[in-house]
Amino acid sequence: MIIAEVTVHYKQGILDPQGKAVHHALQSLDIQGVGEVLVGSHIVLKYPSLSKEEARAATERACEKILSNPVIEDYEFELVEEKS
């Protein structure tokens, strides 16, 4: 089985309101040294019967068509082979 682990996050320069809220909360808890907080989505896609190349292509299409908004978000993913 091929597993795609996808991370979606705002592009550089786009306001991340959740990240700002978490950053403020960390400061109010006196957790020091955090310069910036970015909040994104972690999505796992499991492909029980596709090859690694087929899974890569399917994941790329999914990211471009539904998992991210290409105007304001970037994505990255890693494919992992799960041993049975």
N, C-alpha and C. Protein backbone atom coordinates (compact mmCIF):
# COMPACT_ATOMS: atom_id res chain seq x y z
N MET A 1 0.85 -1.18 0.00
CA MET A 1 0.00 0.00 0.00
C MET A 1 0.89 1.24 0.00
N ILE A 2 0.50 2.20 -0.81
CA ILE A 2 1.19 3.49 -0.85
C ILE A 2 0.37 4.49 -0.04
N ILE A 3 1.04 5.22 0.81
CA ILE A 3 0.40 6.26 1.62
C ILE A 3 1.01 7.60 1.24
N ALA A 4 0.14 8.56 0.94
CA ALA A 4 0.58 9.93 0.66
C ALA A 4 0.26 10.79 1.87
N GLU A 5 1.27 11.42 2.41
CA GLU A 5 1.09 12.35 3.52
C GLU A 5 1.22 13.76 2.96
N VAL A 6 0.11 14.49 2.94
CA VAL A 6 0.02 15.80 2.31
C VAL A 6 -0.04 16.89 3.38
N THR A 7 0.72 17.95 3.18
CA THR A 7 0.64 19.12 4.05
C THR A 7 0.25 20.31 3.19
N VAL A 8 -0.80 21.02 3.62
CA VAL A 8 -1.27 22.22 2.92
C VAL A 8 -1.12 23.39 3.88
N HIS A 9 -0.56 24.49 3.39
CA HIS A 9 -0.37 25.67 4.24
C HIS A 9 -0.48 26.93 3.38
N TYR A 10 -0.73 28.06 4.04
CA TYR A 10 -0.81 29.33 3.33
C TYR A 10 0.52 29.66 2.67
N LYS A 11 0.45 30.32 1.52
CA LYS A 11 1.65 30.80 0.85
C LYS A 11 2.29 31.91 1.68
N GLN A 12 3.58 32.09 1.45
CA GLN A 12 4.31 33.17 2.12
C GLN A 12 3.62 34.49 1.81
N GLY A 13 3.39 35.29 2.84
CA GLY A 13 2.78 36.60 2.66
C GLY A 13 1.27 36.63 2.82
N ILE A 14 0.63 35.45 2.92
CA ILE A 14 -0.82 35.39 3.13
C ILE A 14 -1.08 35.33 4.64
N LEU A 15 -2.00 36.14 5.11
CA LEU A 15 -2.32 36.17 6.54
C LEU A 15 -2.85 34.81 6.99
N ASP A 16 -2.29 34.30 8.08
CA ASP A 16 -2.70 33.03 8.68
C ASP A 16 -3.34 33.34 10.03
N PRO A 17 -4.67 33.56 10.08
CA PRO A 17 -5.31 33.96 11.33
C PRO A 17 -5.17 32.92 12.44
N GLN A 18 -5.24 31.64 12.10
CA GLN A 18 -5.07 30.61 13.14
C GLN A 18 -3.65 30.64 13.68
N GLY A 19 -2.69 30.80 12.79
CA GLY A 19 -1.29 30.88 13.22
C GLY A 19 -1.07 32.06 14.15
N LYS A 20 -1.67 33.21 13.82
CA LYS A 20 -1.55 34.39 14.69
C LYS A 20 -2.18 34.13 16.05
N ALA A 21 -3.34 33.47 16.08
CA ALA A 21 -4.02 33.18 17.35
C ALA A 21 -3.18 32.23 18.20
N VAL A 22 -2.60 31.22 17.58
CA VAL A 22 -1.76 30.27 18.33
C VAL A 22 -0.51 30.98 18.84
N HIS A 23 0.08 31.83 17.99
CA HIS A 23 1.28 32.57 18.42
C HIS A 23 0.97 33.44 19.63
N HIS A 24 -0.16 34.14 19.58
CA HIS A 24 -0.57 34.98 20.71
C HIS A 24 -0.79 34.13 21.97
N ALA A 25 -1.43 32.97 21.81
CA ALA A 25 -1.67 32.10 22.97
C ALA A 25 -0.35 31.60 23.56
N LEU A 26 0.60 31.26 22.72
CA LEU A 26 1.91 30.81 23.22
C LEU A 26 2.58 31.92 24.03
N GLN A 27 2.50 33.15 23.51
CA GLN A 27 3.09 34.28 24.23
C GLN A 27 2.40 34.48 25.57
N SER A 28 1.07 34.37 25.60
CA SER A 28 0.36 34.57 26.86
C SER A 28 0.63 33.44 27.86
N LEU A 29 1.08 32.29 27.36
CA LEU A 29 1.48 31.19 28.25
C LEU A 29 2.95 31.26 28.62
N ASP A 30 3.60 32.36 28.22
CA ASP A 30 5.01 32.62 28.49
C ASP A 30 5.92 31.57 27.85
N ILE A 31 5.53 31.09 26.67
CA ILE A 31 6.39 30.20 25.89
C ILE A 31 7.16 31.09 24.93
N GLN A 32 8.46 31.20 25.18
CA GLN A 32 9.32 32.18 24.51
C GLN A 32 10.04 31.57 23.30
N GLY A 33 10.50 32.45 22.42
CA GLY A 33 11.38 32.06 21.33
C GLY A 33 10.68 31.68 20.04
N VAL A 34 9.36 31.65 20.02
CA VAL A 34 8.64 31.30 18.80
C VAL A 34 8.49 32.56 17.95
N GLY A 35 9.07 32.56 16.76
CA GLY A 35 9.01 33.73 15.91
C GLY A 35 7.74 33.82 15.08
N GLU A 36 7.26 32.68 14.65
CA GLU A 36 6.07 32.65 13.79
C GLU A 36 5.43 31.27 13.92
N VAL A 37 4.11 31.24 13.81
CA VAL A 37 3.37 29.98 13.83
C VAL A 37 2.58 29.88 12.53
N LEU A 38 2.72 28.76 11.86
CA LEU A 38 1.96 28.49 10.64
C LEU A 38 1.07 27.29 10.90
N VAL A 39 -0.22 27.45 10.67
CA VAL A 39 -1.17 26.36 10.85
C VAL A 39 -1.61 25.89 9.48
N GLY A 40 -1.59 24.60 9.27
CA GLY A 40 -2.00 24.04 7.98
C GLY A 40 -2.83 22.80 8.19
N SER A 41 -2.96 22.04 7.11
CA SER A 41 -3.72 20.80 7.15
C SER A 41 -2.79 19.63 6.85
N HIS A 42 -3.01 18.53 7.54
CA HIS A 42 -2.29 17.28 7.27
C HIS A 42 -3.33 16.28 6.78
N ILE A 43 -3.15 15.79 5.57
CA ILE A 43 -4.11 14.90 4.94
C ILE A 43 -3.38 13.61 4.55
N VAL A 44 -3.98 12.47 4.85
CA VAL A 44 -3.40 11.18 4.52
C VAL A 44 -4.29 10.50 3.48
N LEU A 45 -3.70 10.13 2.35
CA LEU A 45 -4.39 9.39 1.31
C LEU A 45 -3.77 8.01 1.22
N LYS A 46 -4.60 6.96 1.24
CA LYS A 46 -4.10 5.59 1.16
C LYS A 46 -4.50 4.98 -0.18
N TYR A 47 -3.52 4.43 -0.86
CA TYR A 47 -3.73 3.80 -2.16
C TYR A 47 -3.38 2.31 -2.06
N PRO A 48 -4.37 1.45 -1.87
CA PRO A 48 -4.08 0.04 -1.69
C PRO A 48 -3.64 -0.69 -2.96
N SER A 49 -3.98 -0.14 -4.14
CA SER A 49 -3.69 -0.91 -5.36
C SER A 49 -2.95 -0.13 -6.44
N LEU A 50 -2.46 1.05 -6.14
CA LEU A 50 -1.73 1.83 -7.15
C LEU A 50 -0.23 1.66 -6.98
N SER A 51 0.48 1.81 -8.10
CA SER A 51 1.94 1.85 -8.03
C SER A 51 2.36 3.19 -7.43
N LYS A 52 3.63 3.31 -7.11
CA LYS A 52 4.11 4.55 -6.53
C LYS A 52 3.95 5.72 -7.51
N GLU A 53 4.22 5.49 -8.78
CA GLU A 53 4.07 6.56 -9.78
C GLU A 53 2.60 6.93 -9.98
N GLU A 54 1.70 5.95 -9.98
CA GLU A 54 0.27 6.24 -10.09
C GLU A 54 -0.22 7.02 -8.87
N ALA A 55 0.26 6.63 -7.70
CA ALA A 55 -0.12 7.33 -6.47
C ALA A 55 0.41 8.76 -6.48
N ARG A 56 1.62 8.96 -7.00
CA ARG A 56 2.19 10.31 -7.08
C ARG A 56 1.32 11.19 -7.99
N ALA A 57 0.93 10.66 -9.14
CA ALA A 57 0.10 11.42 -10.08
C ALA A 57 -1.28 11.70 -9.50
N ALA A 58 -1.88 10.71 -8.85
CA ALA A 58 -3.21 10.89 -8.25
C ALA A 58 -3.16 11.93 -7.13
N THR A 59 -2.11 11.89 -6.32
CA THR A 59 -1.97 12.84 -5.22
C THR A 59 -1.77 14.26 -5.75
N GLU A 60 -0.96 14.39 -6.78
CA GLU A 60 -0.73 15.70 -7.40
C GLU A 60 -2.06 16.27 -7.92
N ARG A 61 -2.84 15.45 -8.60
CA ARG A 61 -4.15 15.91 -9.11
C ARG A 61 -5.07 16.30 -7.96
N ALA A 62 -5.11 15.48 -6.91
CA ALA A 62 -5.97 15.77 -5.75
C ALA A 62 -5.57 17.09 -5.11
N CYS A 63 -4.28 17.32 -4.95
CA CYS A 63 -3.81 18.56 -4.34
C CYS A 63 -4.19 19.77 -5.18
N GLU A 64 -4.04 19.65 -6.49
CA GLU A 64 -4.32 20.77 -7.37
C GLU A 64 -5.82 21.04 -7.51
N LYS A 65 -6.65 19.99 -7.45
CA LYS A 65 -8.07 20.16 -7.73
C LYS A 65 -8.94 20.36 -6.50
N ILE A 66 -8.58 19.78 -5.34
CA ILE A 66 -9.49 19.87 -4.19
C ILE A 66 -8.81 20.09 -2.84
N LEU A 67 -7.62 19.58 -2.65
CA LEU A 67 -7.02 19.65 -1.31
C LEU A 67 -6.41 21.00 -0.98
N SER A 68 -6.11 21.80 -2.00
CA SER A 68 -5.53 23.13 -1.75
C SER A 68 -6.18 24.16 -2.65
N ASN A 69 -6.09 25.40 -2.23
CA ASN A 69 -6.52 26.53 -3.05
C ASN A 69 -5.25 27.14 -3.63
N PRO A 70 -4.97 26.92 -4.91
CA PRO A 70 -3.69 27.34 -5.47
C PRO A 70 -3.45 28.85 -5.45
N VAL A 71 -4.49 29.63 -5.23
CA VAL A 71 -4.33 31.09 -5.18
C VAL A 71 -3.64 31.50 -3.89
N ILE A 72 -3.98 30.84 -2.77
CA ILE A 72 -3.45 31.28 -1.47
C ILE A 72 -2.69 30.19 -0.71
N GLU A 73 -2.66 28.96 -1.23
CA GLU A 73 -2.03 27.87 -0.48
C GLU A 73 -0.99 27.13 -1.33
N ASP A 74 0.00 26.61 -0.63
CA ASP A 74 0.99 25.70 -1.20
C ASP A 74 0.77 24.33 -0.59
N TYR A 75 1.30 23.32 -1.22
CA TYR A 75 1.21 21.97 -0.67
C TYR A 75 2.51 21.24 -0.93
N GLU A 76 2.72 20.22 -0.15
CA GLU A 76 3.84 19.30 -0.37
C GLU A 76 3.36 17.94 0.11
N PHE A 77 3.94 16.89 -0.44
CA PHE A 77 3.56 15.57 0.01
C PHE A 77 4.73 14.61 -0.08
N GLU A 78 4.60 13.55 0.69
CA GLU A 78 5.59 12.49 0.71
C GLU A 78 4.85 11.17 0.53
N LEU A 79 5.39 10.30 -0.30
CA LEU A 79 4.82 8.97 -0.48
C LEU A 79 5.61 7.97 0.34
N VAL A 80 4.90 7.12 1.04
CA VAL A 80 5.51 6.10 1.89
C VAL A 80 4.92 4.75 1.53
N GLU A 81 5.75 3.74 1.41
CA GLU A 81 5.24 2.39 1.19
C GLU A 81 5.04 1.71 2.52
N GLU A 82 3.81 1.28 2.76
CA GLU A 82 3.49 0.58 4.01
C GLU A 82 3.71 -0.91 3.76
N LYS A 83 4.46 -1.52 4.64
CA LYS A 83 4.71 -2.96 4.54
C LYS A 83 3.54 -3.71 5.14
N SER A 84 3.13 -4.76 4.48
CA SER A 84 2.00 -5.58 4.99
C SER A 84 2.43 -6.49 6.11
